[in-house]
PDB file of N, CA and C in Angstrom:
ATOM      1  N   MET A   1       0.848  -1.174   0.000  1.00  0.00           N
ATOM      2  CA  MET A   1       0.000   0.000   0.000  1.00  0.00           C
ATOM      3  C   MET A   1       0.901   1.247   0.000  1.00  0.00           C
ATOM      4  N   PRO A   2       0.573   2.230  -0.867  1.00  0.00           N
ATOM      5  CA  PRO A   2       1.413   3.436  -0.931  1.00  0.00           C
ATOM      6  C   PRO A   2       1.278   4.282   0.338  1.00  0.00           C
ATOM      7  N   ASN A   3       2.334   5.034   0.628  1.00  0.00           N
ATOM      8  CA  ASN A   3       2.344   5.917   1.790  1.00  0.00           C
ATOM      9  C   ASN A   3       1.635   7.218   1.408  1.00  0.00           C
ATOM     10  N   ILE A   4       0.391   7.385   1.828  1.00  0.00           N
ATOM     11  CA  ILE A   4      -0.401   8.569   1.501  1.00  0.00           C
ATOM     12  C   ILE A   4      -0.396   9.506   2.707  1.00  0.00           C
ATOM     13  N   THR A   5       0.185  10.676   2.497  1.00  0.00           N
ATOM     14  CA  THR A   5       0.269  11.680   3.561  1.00  0.00           C
ATOM     15  C   THR A   5      -0.639  12.862   3.209  1.00  0.00           C
ATOM     16  N   PRO A   6      -0.919  13.739   4.165  1.00  0.00           N
ATOM     17  CA  PRO A   6      -1.689  14.938   3.842  1.00  0.00           C
ATOM     18  C   PRO A   6      -1.042  15.772   2.727  1.00  0.00           C
ATOM     19  N   HIS A   7       0.282  15.762   2.674  1.00  0.00           N
ATOM     20  CA  HIS A   7       0.981  16.515   1.639  1.00  0.00           C
ATOM     21  C   HIS A   7       0.698  15.933   0.249  1.00  0.00           C
ATOM     22  N   VAL A   8       0.654  14.622   0.142  1.00  0.00           N
ATOM     23  CA  VAL A   8       0.300  13.961  -1.123  1.00  0.00           C
ATOM     24  C   VAL A   8      -1.122  14.344  -1.512  1.00  0.00           C
ATOM     25  N   CYS A   9      -2.002  14.419  -0.535  1.00  0.00           N
ATOM     26  CA  CYS A   9      -3.400  14.811  -0.805  1.00  0.00           C
ATOM     27  C   CYS A   9      -3.473  16.243  -1.340  1.00  0.00           C
ATOM     28  N   ARG A  10      -2.607  17.132  -0.869  1.00  0.00           N
ATOM     29  CA  ARG A  10      -2.576  18.508  -1.385  1.00  0.00           C
ATOM     30  C   ARG A  10      -2.195  18.520  -2.862  1.00  0.00           C
ATOM     31  N   HIS A  11      -1.204  17.730  -3.231  1.00  0.00           N
ATOM     32  CA  HIS A  11      -0.799  17.642  -4.633  1.00  0.00           C
ATOM     33  C   HIS A  11      -1.945  17.090  -5.487  1.00  0.00           C
ATOM     34  N   THR A  12      -2.588  16.045  -4.998  1.00  0.00           N
ATOM     35  CA  THR A  12      -3.701  15.432  -5.737  1.00  0.00           C
ATOM     36  C   THR A  12      -4.849  16.423  -5.895  1.00  0.00           C
ATOM     37  N   TYR A  13      -5.199  17.107  -4.811  1.00  0.00           N
ATOM     38  CA  TYR A  13      -6.273  18.100  -4.864  1.00  0.00           C
ATOM     39  C   TYR A  13      -5.952  19.183  -5.886  1.00  0.00           C
ATOM     40  N   CYS A  14      -4.756  19.718  -5.835  1.00  0.00           N
ATOM     41  CA  CYS A  14      -4.358  20.799  -6.729  1.00  0.00           C
ATOM     42  C   CYS A  14      -4.397  20.332  -8.189  1.00  0.00           C
ATOM     43  N   SER A  15      -3.863  19.161  -8.460  1.00  0.00           N
ATOM     44  CA  SER A  15      -3.876  18.626  -9.825  1.00  0.00           C
ATOM     45  C   SER A  15      -5.297  18.398 -10.316  1.00  0.00           C
ATOM     46  N   ASN A  16      -6.140  17.813  -9.481  1.00  0.00           N
ATOM     47  CA  ASN A  16      -7.525  17.539  -9.889  1.00  0.00           C
ATOM     48  C   ASN A  16      -8.308  18.817 -10.144  1.00  0.00           C
ATOM     49  N   MET A  17      -8.098  19.838  -9.332  1.00  0.00           N
ATOM     50  CA  MET A  17      -8.803  21.099  -9.539  1.00  0.00           C
ATOM     51  C   MET A  17      -8.325  21.777 -10.827  1.00  0.00           C
ATOM     52  N   ALA A  18      -7.039  21.716 -11.097  1.00  0.00           N
ATOM     53  CA  ALA A  18      -6.501  22.292 -12.342  1.00  0.00           C
ATOM     54  C   ALA A  18      -7.063  21.557 -13.548  1.00  0.00           C
ATOM     55  N   LYS A  19      -7.126  20.234 -13.478  1.00  0.00           N
ATOM     56  CA  LYS A  19      -7.664  19.425 -14.574  1.00  0.00           C
ATOM     57  C   LYS A  19      -9.138  19.708 -14.815  1.00  0.00           C
ATOM     58  N   SER A  20      -9.857  20.043 -13.757  1.00  0.00           N
ATOM     59  CA  SER A  20     -11.290  20.297 -13.894  1.00  0.00           C
ATOM     60  C   SER A  20     -11.577  21.683 -14.471  1.00  0.00           C
ATOM     61  N   GLY A  21     -10.531  22.513 -14.595  1.00  0.00           N
ATOM     62  CA  GLY A  21     -10.707  23.826 -15.201  1.00  0.00           C
ATOM     63  C   GLY A  21     -10.822  24.977 -14.221  1.00  0.00           C
ATOM     64  N   MET A  22     -10.506  24.754 -12.974  1.00  0.00           N
ATOM     65  CA  MET A  22     -10.582  25.833 -11.991  1.00  0.00           C
ATOM     66  C   MET A  22      -9.626  26.969 -12.377  1.00  0.00           C
ATOM     67  N   ASN A  23     -10.075  28.188 -12.171  1.00  0.00           N
ATOM     68  CA  ASN A  23      -9.247  29.357 -12.431  1.00  0.00           C
ATOM     69  C   ASN A  23      -7.956  29.247 -11.619  1.00  0.00           C
ATOM     70  N   PRO A  24      -6.788  29.400 -12.263  1.00  0.00           N
ATOM     71  CA  PRO A  24      -5.518  29.244 -11.543  1.00  0.00           C
ATOM     72  C   PRO A  24      -5.355  30.180 -10.345  1.00  0.00           C
ATOM     73  N   LYS A  25      -5.844  31.403 -10.449  1.00  0.00           N
ATOM     74  CA  LYS A  25      -5.719  32.335  -9.321  1.00  0.00           C
ATOM     75  C   LYS A  25      -6.605  31.899  -8.156  1.00  0.00           C
ATOM     76  N   THR A  26      -7.759  31.347  -8.446  1.00  0.00           N
ATOM     77  CA  THR A  26      -8.618  30.818  -7.390  1.00  0.00           C
ATOM     78  C   THR A  26      -7.938  29.633  -6.722  1.00  0.00           C
ATOM     79  N   LEU A  27      -7.354  28.770  -7.534  1.00  0.00           N
ATOM     80  CA  LEU A  27      -6.651  27.613  -6.992  1.00  0.00           C
ATOM     81  C   LEU A  27      -5.463  28.063  -6.133  1.00  0.00           C
ATOM     82  N   GLN A  28      -4.743  29.065  -6.581  1.00  0.00           N
ATOM     83  CA  GLN A  28      -3.625  29.610  -5.798  1.00  0.00           C
ATOM     84  C   GLN A  28      -4.127  30.073  -4.427  1.00  0.00           C
ATOM     85  N   TYR A  29      -5.248  30.784  -4.421  1.00  0.00           N
ATOM     86  CA  TYR A  29      -5.818  31.284  -3.163  1.00  0.00           C
ATOM     87  C   TYR A  29      -6.208  30.120  -2.244  1.00  0.00           C
ATOM     88  N   LEU A  30      -6.897  29.129  -2.817  1.00  0.00           N
ATOM     89  CA  LEU A  30      -7.334  27.993  -2.006  1.00  0.00           C
ATOM     90  C   LEU A  30      -6.163  27.184  -1.451  1.00  0.00           C
ATOM     91  N   MET A  31      -5.077  27.110  -2.214  1.00  0.00           N
ATOM     92  CA  MET A  31      -3.900  26.377  -1.758  1.00  0.00           C
ATOM     93  C   MET A  31      -3.088  27.188  -0.747  1.00  0.00           C
ATOM     94  N   GLY A  32      -3.325  28.498  -0.671  1.00  0.00           N
ATOM     95  CA  GLY A  32      -2.605  29.345   0.276  1.00  0.00           C
ATOM     96  C   GLY A  32      -1.218  29.741  -0.199  1.00  0.00           C
ATOM     97  N   HIS A  33      -1.004  29.709  -1.517  1.00  0.00           N
ATOM     98  CA  HIS A  33       0.309  30.073  -2.068  1.00  0.00           C
ATOM     99  C   HIS A  33       0.368  31.562  -2.370  1.00  0.00           C
ATOM    100  N   SER A  34       1.499  32.188  -2.048  1.00  0.00           N
ATOM    101  CA  SER A  34       1.667  33.608  -2.367  1.00  0.00           C
ATOM    102  C   SER A  34       2.141  33.790  -3.807  1.00  0.00           C
ATOM    103  N   ASP A  35       2.657  32.720  -4.422  1.00  0.00           N
ATOM    104  CA  ASP A  35       3.191  32.787  -5.776  1.00  0.00           C
ATOM    105  C   ASP A  35       2.481  31.756  -6.661  1.00  0.00           C
ATOM    106  N   ILE A  36       1.935  32.208  -7.786  1.00  0.00           N
ATOM    107  CA  ILE A  36       1.221  31.313  -8.698  1.00  0.00           C
ATOM    108  C   ILE A  36       2.141  30.224  -9.240  1.00  0.00           C
ATOM    109  N   GLY A  37       3.440  30.522  -9.324  1.00  0.00           N
ATOM    110  CA  GLY A  37       4.401  29.542  -9.813  1.00  0.00           C
ATOM    111  C   GLY A  37       4.454  28.289  -8.948  1.00  0.00           C
ATOM    112  N   VAL A  38       4.306  28.462  -7.653  1.00  0.00           N
ATOM    113  CA  VAL A  38       4.300  27.309  -6.746  1.00  0.00           C
ATOM    114  C   VAL A  38       3.080  26.441  -7.039  1.00  0.00           C
ATOM    115  N   THR A  39       1.944  27.087  -7.233  1.00  0.00           N
ATOM    116  CA  THR A  39       0.712  26.350  -7.510  1.00  0.00           C
ATOM    117  C   THR A  39       0.819  25.585  -8.819  1.00  0.00           C
ATOM    118  N   LEU A  40       1.267  26.270  -9.870  1.00  0.00           N
ATOM    119  CA  LEU A  40       1.267  25.661 -11.199  1.00  0.00           C
ATOM    120  C   LEU A  40       2.466  24.755 -11.462  1.00  0.00           C
ATOM    121  N   ASN A  41       3.620  25.092 -10.935  1.00  0.00           N
ATOM    122  CA  ASN A  41       4.831  24.337 -11.265  1.00  0.00           C
ATOM    123  C   ASN A  41       5.194  23.253 -10.258  1.00  0.00           C
ATOM    124  N   THR A  42       4.747  23.386  -9.033  1.00  0.00           N
ATOM    125  CA  THR A  42       5.122  22.431  -7.998  1.00  0.00           C
ATOM    126  C   THR A  42       3.971  21.491  -7.635  1.00  0.00           C
ATOM    127  N   TYR A  43       2.770  22.033  -7.523  1.00  0.00           N
ATOM    128  CA  TYR A  43       1.655  21.234  -7.026  1.00  0.00           C
ATOM    129  C   TYR A  43       0.749  20.669  -8.118  1.00  0.00           C
ATOM    130  N   THR A  44       0.812  21.198  -9.312  1.00  0.00           N
ATOM    131  CA  THR A  44      -0.056  20.723 -10.386  1.00  0.00           C
ATOM    132  C   THR A  44       0.729  19.758 -11.262  1.00  0.00           C
ATOM    133  N   HIS A  45       0.235  18.529 -11.380  1.00  0.00           N
ATOM    134  CA  HIS A  45       0.911  17.492 -12.156  1.00  0.00           C
ATOM    135  C   HIS A  45       0.005  17.062 -13.311  1.00  0.00           C
ATOM    136  N   LEU A  46       0.411  17.388 -14.518  1.00  0.00           N
ATOM    137  CA  LEU A  46      -0.342  17.017 -15.707  1.00  0.00           C
ATOM    138  C   LEU A  46       0.547  16.170 -16.600  1.00  0.00           C
ATOM    139  N   GLY A  47      -0.069  15.361 -17.449  1.00  0.00           N
ATOM    140  CA  GLY A  47       0.713  14.487 -18.310  1.00  0.00           C
ATOM    141  C   GLY A  47       0.199  14.481 -19.736  1.00  0.00           C
ATOM    142  N   LEU A  48       0.691  13.538 -20.519  1.00  0.00           N
ATOM    143  CA  LEU A  48       0.334  13.419 -21.929  1.00  0.00           C
ATOM    144  C   LEU A  48      -1.167  13.202 -22.103  1.00  0.00           C
ATOM    145  N   GLU A  49      -1.749  12.386 -21.251  1.00  0.00           N
ATOM    146  CA  GLU A  49      -3.189  12.123 -21.340  1.00  0.00           C
ATOM    147  C   GLU A  49      -3.992  13.412 -21.153  1.00  0.00           C
ATOM    148  N   ASP A  50      -3.543  14.259 -20.242  1.00  0.00           N
ATOM    149  CA  ASP A  50      -4.227  15.534 -20.009  1.00  0.00           C
ATOM    150  C   ASP A  50      -4.109  16.438 -21.230  1.00  0.00           C
ATOM    151  N   ALA A  51      -2.946  16.462 -21.861  1.00  0.00           N
ATOM    152  CA  ALA A  51      -2.755  17.268 -23.065  1.00  0.00           C
ATOM    153  C   ALA A  51      -3.624  16.741 -24.200  1.00  0.00           C
ATOM    154  N   THR A  52      -3.712  15.435 -24.337  1.00  0.00           N
ATOM    155  CA  THR A  52      -4.553  14.826 -25.369  1.00  0.00           C
ATOM    156  C   THR A  52      -6.016  15.185 -25.143  1.00  0.00           C
ATOM    157  N   ASP A  53      -6.465  15.108 -23.908  1.00  0.00           N
ATOM    158  CA  ASP A  53      -7.855  15.463 -23.585  1.00  0.00           C
ATOM    159  C   ASP A  53      -8.141  16.921 -23.913  1.00  0.00           C
ATOM    160  N   GLU A  54      -7.200  17.800 -23.606  1.00  0.00           N
ATOM    161  CA  GLU A  54      -7.391  19.231 -23.869  1.00  0.00           C
ATOM    162  C   GLU A  54      -7.450  19.499 -25.373  1.00  0.00           C
ATOM    163  N   LEU A  55      -6.594  18.841 -26.141  1.00  0.00           N
ATOM    164  CA  LEU A  55      -6.635  19.009 -27.600  1.00  0.00           C
ATOM    165  C   LEU A  55      -7.940  18.485 -28.172  1.00  0.00           C
ATOM    166  N   ARG A  56      -8.436  17.390 -27.641  1.00  0.00           N
ATOM    167  CA  ARG A  56      -9.718  16.843 -28.080  1.00  0.00           C
ATOM    168  C   ARG A  56     -10.857  17.821 -27.759  1.00  0.00           C
ATOM    169  N   ARG A  57     -10.786  18.430 -26.593  1.00  0.00           N
ATOM    170  CA  ARG A  57     -11.806  19.409 -26.198  1.00  0.00           C
ATOM    171  C   ARG A  57     -11.786  20.612 -27.134  1.00  0.00           C
ATOM    172  N   MET A  58     -10.588  21.073 -27.490  1.00  0.00           N
ATOM    173  CA  MET A  58     -10.471  22.206 -28.410  1.00  0.00           C
ATOM    174  C   MET A  58     -11.013  21.846 -29.790  1.00  0.00           C
ATOM    175  N   GLU A  59     -10.768  20.627 -30.222  1.00  0.00           N
ATOM    176  CA  GLU A  59     -11.285  20.163 -31.507  1.00  0.00           C
ATOM    177  C   GLU A  59     -12.814  20.119 -31.483  1.00  0.00           C
ATOM    178  N   ASP A  60     -13.390  19.652 -30.382  1.00  0.00           N
ATOM    179  CA  ASP A  60     -14.846  19.617 -30.241  1.00  0.00           C
ATOM    180  C   ASP A  60     -15.432  21.027 -30.280  1.00  0.00           C
ATOM    181  N   LEU A  61     -14.755  21.981 -29.632  1.00  0.00           N
ATOM    182  CA  LEU A  61     -15.225  23.365 -29.661  1.00  0.00           C
ATOM    183  C   LEU A  61     -15.186  23.935 -31.075  1.00  0.00           C
ATOM    184  N   GLU A  62     -14.139  23.634 -31.812  1.00  0.00           N
ATOM    185  CA  GLU A  62     -14.017  24.105 -33.192  1.00  0.00           C
ATOM    186  C   GLU A  62     -15.104  23.496 -34.075  1.00  0.00           C
ATOM    187  N   ASN A  63     -15.390  22.219 -33.881  1.00  0.00           N
ATOM    188  CA  ASN A  63     -16.458  21.568 -34.648  1.00  0.00           C
ATOM    189  C   ASN A  63     -17.816  22.186 -34.325  1.00  0.00           C
ATOM    190  N   ALA A  64     -18.041  22.505 -33.070  1.00  0.00           N
ATOM    191  CA  ALA A  64     -19.304  23.136 -32.676  1.00  0.00           C
ATOM    192  C   ALA A  64     -19.421  24.528 -33.290  1.00  0.00           C
ATOM    193  N   ARG A  65     -18.303  25.270 -33.318  1.00  0.00           N
ATOM    194  CA  ARG A  65     -18.311  26.596 -33.935  1.00  0.00           C
ATOM    195  C   ARG A  65     -18.634  26.498 -35.417  1.00  0.00           C
ATOM    196  N   LYS A  66     -18.046  25.533 -36.095  1.00  0.00           N
ATOM    197  CA  LYS A  66     -18.322  25.339 -37.517  1.00  0.00           C
ATOM    198  C   LYS A  66     -19.785  24.980 -37.750  1.00  0.00           C
ATOM    199  N   GLU A  67     -20.346  24.171 -36.882  1.00  0.00           N
ATOM    200  CA  GLU A  67     -21.759  23.785 -37.001  1.00  0.00           C
ATOM    201  C   GLU A  67     -22.663  25.005 -36.825  1.00  0.00           C
ATOM    202  N   LEU A  68     -22.315  25.876 -35.872  1.00  0.00           N
ATOM    203  CA  LEU A  68     -23.104  27.099 -35.683  1.00  0.00           C
ATOM    204  C   LEU A  68     -23.025  28.001 -36.904  1.00  0.00           C
ATOM    205  N   GLU A  69     -21.837  28.127 -37.472  1.00  0.00           N
ATOM    206  CA  GLU A  69     -21.670  28.946 -38.677  1.00  0.00           C
ATOM    207  C   GLU A  69     -22.487  28.376 -39.833  1.00  0.00           C
ATOM    208  N   LYS A  70     -22.502  27.069 -39.946  1.00  0.00           N
ATOM    209  CA  LYS A  70     -23.261  26.405 -41.006  1.00  0.00           C
ATOM    210  C   LYS A  70     -24.762  26.665 -40.834  1.00  0.00           C
ATOM    211  N   ASN A  71     -25.223  26.630 -39.594  1.00  0.00           N
ATOM    212  CA  ASN A  71     -26.638  26.848 -39.318  1.00  0.00           C
ATOM    213  C   ASN A  71     -27.047  28.299 -39.555  1.00  0.00           C
ATOM    214  N   LYS A  72     -26.115  29.241 -39.418  1.00  0.00           N
ATOM    215  CA  LYS A  72     -26.425  30.649 -39.672  1.00  0.00           C
ATOM    216  C   LYS A  72     -26.743  30.881 -41.139  1.00  0.00           C
ATOM    217  N   GLU A  73     -26.168  30.059 -42.014  1.00  0.00           N
ATOM    218  CA  GLU A  73     -26.390  30.210 -43.450  1.00  0.00           C
ATOM    219  C   GLU A  73     -27.805  29.793 -43.852  1.00  0.00           C
ATOM    220  N   GLU A  74     -28.447  28.936 -43.042  1.00  0.00           N
ATOM    221  CA  GLU A  74     -29.808  28.512 -43.344  1.00  0.00           C
ATOM    222  C   GLU A  74     -30.758  29.676 -43.078  1.00  0.00           C
ATOM    223  N   LYS A  75     -31.766  29.796 -43.924  1.00  0.00           N
ATOM    224  CA  LYS A  75     -32.726  30.883 -43.773  1.00  0.00           C
ATOM    225  C   LYS A  75     -33.678  30.574 -42.616  1.00  0.00           C
ATOM    226  N   PRO A  76     -33.997  31.583 -41.828  1.00  0.00           N
ATOM    227  CA  PRO A  76     -34.919  31.349 -40.716  1.00  0.00           C
ATOM    228  C   PRO A  76     -36.326  31.059 -41.237  1.00  0.00           C
ATOM    229  N   VAL A  77     -37.120  30.419 -40.409  1.00  0.00           N
ATOM    230  CA  VAL A  77     -38.501  30.094 -40.774  1.00  0.00           C
ATOM    231  C   VAL A  77     -39.294  31.392 -40.866  1.00  0.00           C
ATOM    232  N   SER A  78     -40.040  31.529 -41.907  1.00  0.00           N
ATOM    233  CA  SER A  78     -40.860  32.719 -42.100  1.00  0.00           C
ATOM    234  C   SER A  78     -42.045  32.687 -41.153  1.00  0.00           C
ATOM    235  N   GLN A  79     -42.368  33.836 -40.581  1.00  0.00           N
ATOM    236  CA  GLN A  79     -43.511  33.904 -39.682  1.00  0.00           C
ATOM    237  C   GLN A  79     -44.820  33.869 -40.447  1.00  0.00           C
ATOM    238  N   LYS A  80     -44.758  34.014 -41.748  1.00  0.00           N
ATOM    239  CA  LYS A  80     -45.972  33.944 -42.560  1.00  0.00           C
ATOM    240  C   LYS A  80     -46.553  32.532 -42.544  1.00  0.00           C
ATOM    241  N   MET A  81     -45.734  31.574 -42.155  1.00  0.00           N
ATOM    242  CA  MET A  81     -46.196  30.198 -42.105  1.00  0.00           C
ATOM    243  C   MET A  81     -47.175  29.968 -40.957  1.00  0.00           C
ATOM    244  N   PHE A  82     -47.151  30.844 -39.959  1.00  0.00           N
ATOM    245  CA  PHE A  82     -47.974  30.662 -38.783  1.00  0.00           C
ATOM    246  C   PHE A  82     -49.153  31.635 -38.818  1.00  0.00           C
ATOM    247  N   ARG A  83     -50.262  31.181 -38.368  1.00  0.00           N
ATOM    248  CA  ARG A  83     -51.472  31.987 -38.380  1.00  0.00           C
ATOM    249  C   ARG A  83     -51.969  32.132 -36.952  1.00  0.00           C
ATOM    250  N   ALA A  84     -52.281  33.349 -36.566  1.00  0.00           N
ATOM    251  CA  ALA A  84     -52.817  33.596 -35.230  1.00  0.00           C
ATOM    252  C   ALA A  84     -54.269  33.148 -35.191  1.00  0.00           C
ATOM    253  N   ILE A  85     -54.615  32.445 -34.128  1.00  0.00           N
ATOM    254  CA  ILE A  85     -55.992  31.963 -33.988  1.00  0.00           C
ATOM    255  C   ILE A  85     -56.703  32.733 -32.923  1.00  0.00           C
TER     256      ILE A  85
END
């Protein structure tokens, strides 16, 4: 069984919050660091899988933007089609 200390839990918490998208300055405040570099460079641990996930997320956002642009080209439904009763 690995040796899990409160300090290890701080690293895990910081990494998980960064991965979830928490604002870095908010995370710095919650961690009690006076320097953002300590929060981002010492306590946040990211890897290749995290980079791959982020690139996939950016690709999904770009695809959604393209879909919205495509839908803007379609003409809106005319209100003449509807009749007030």
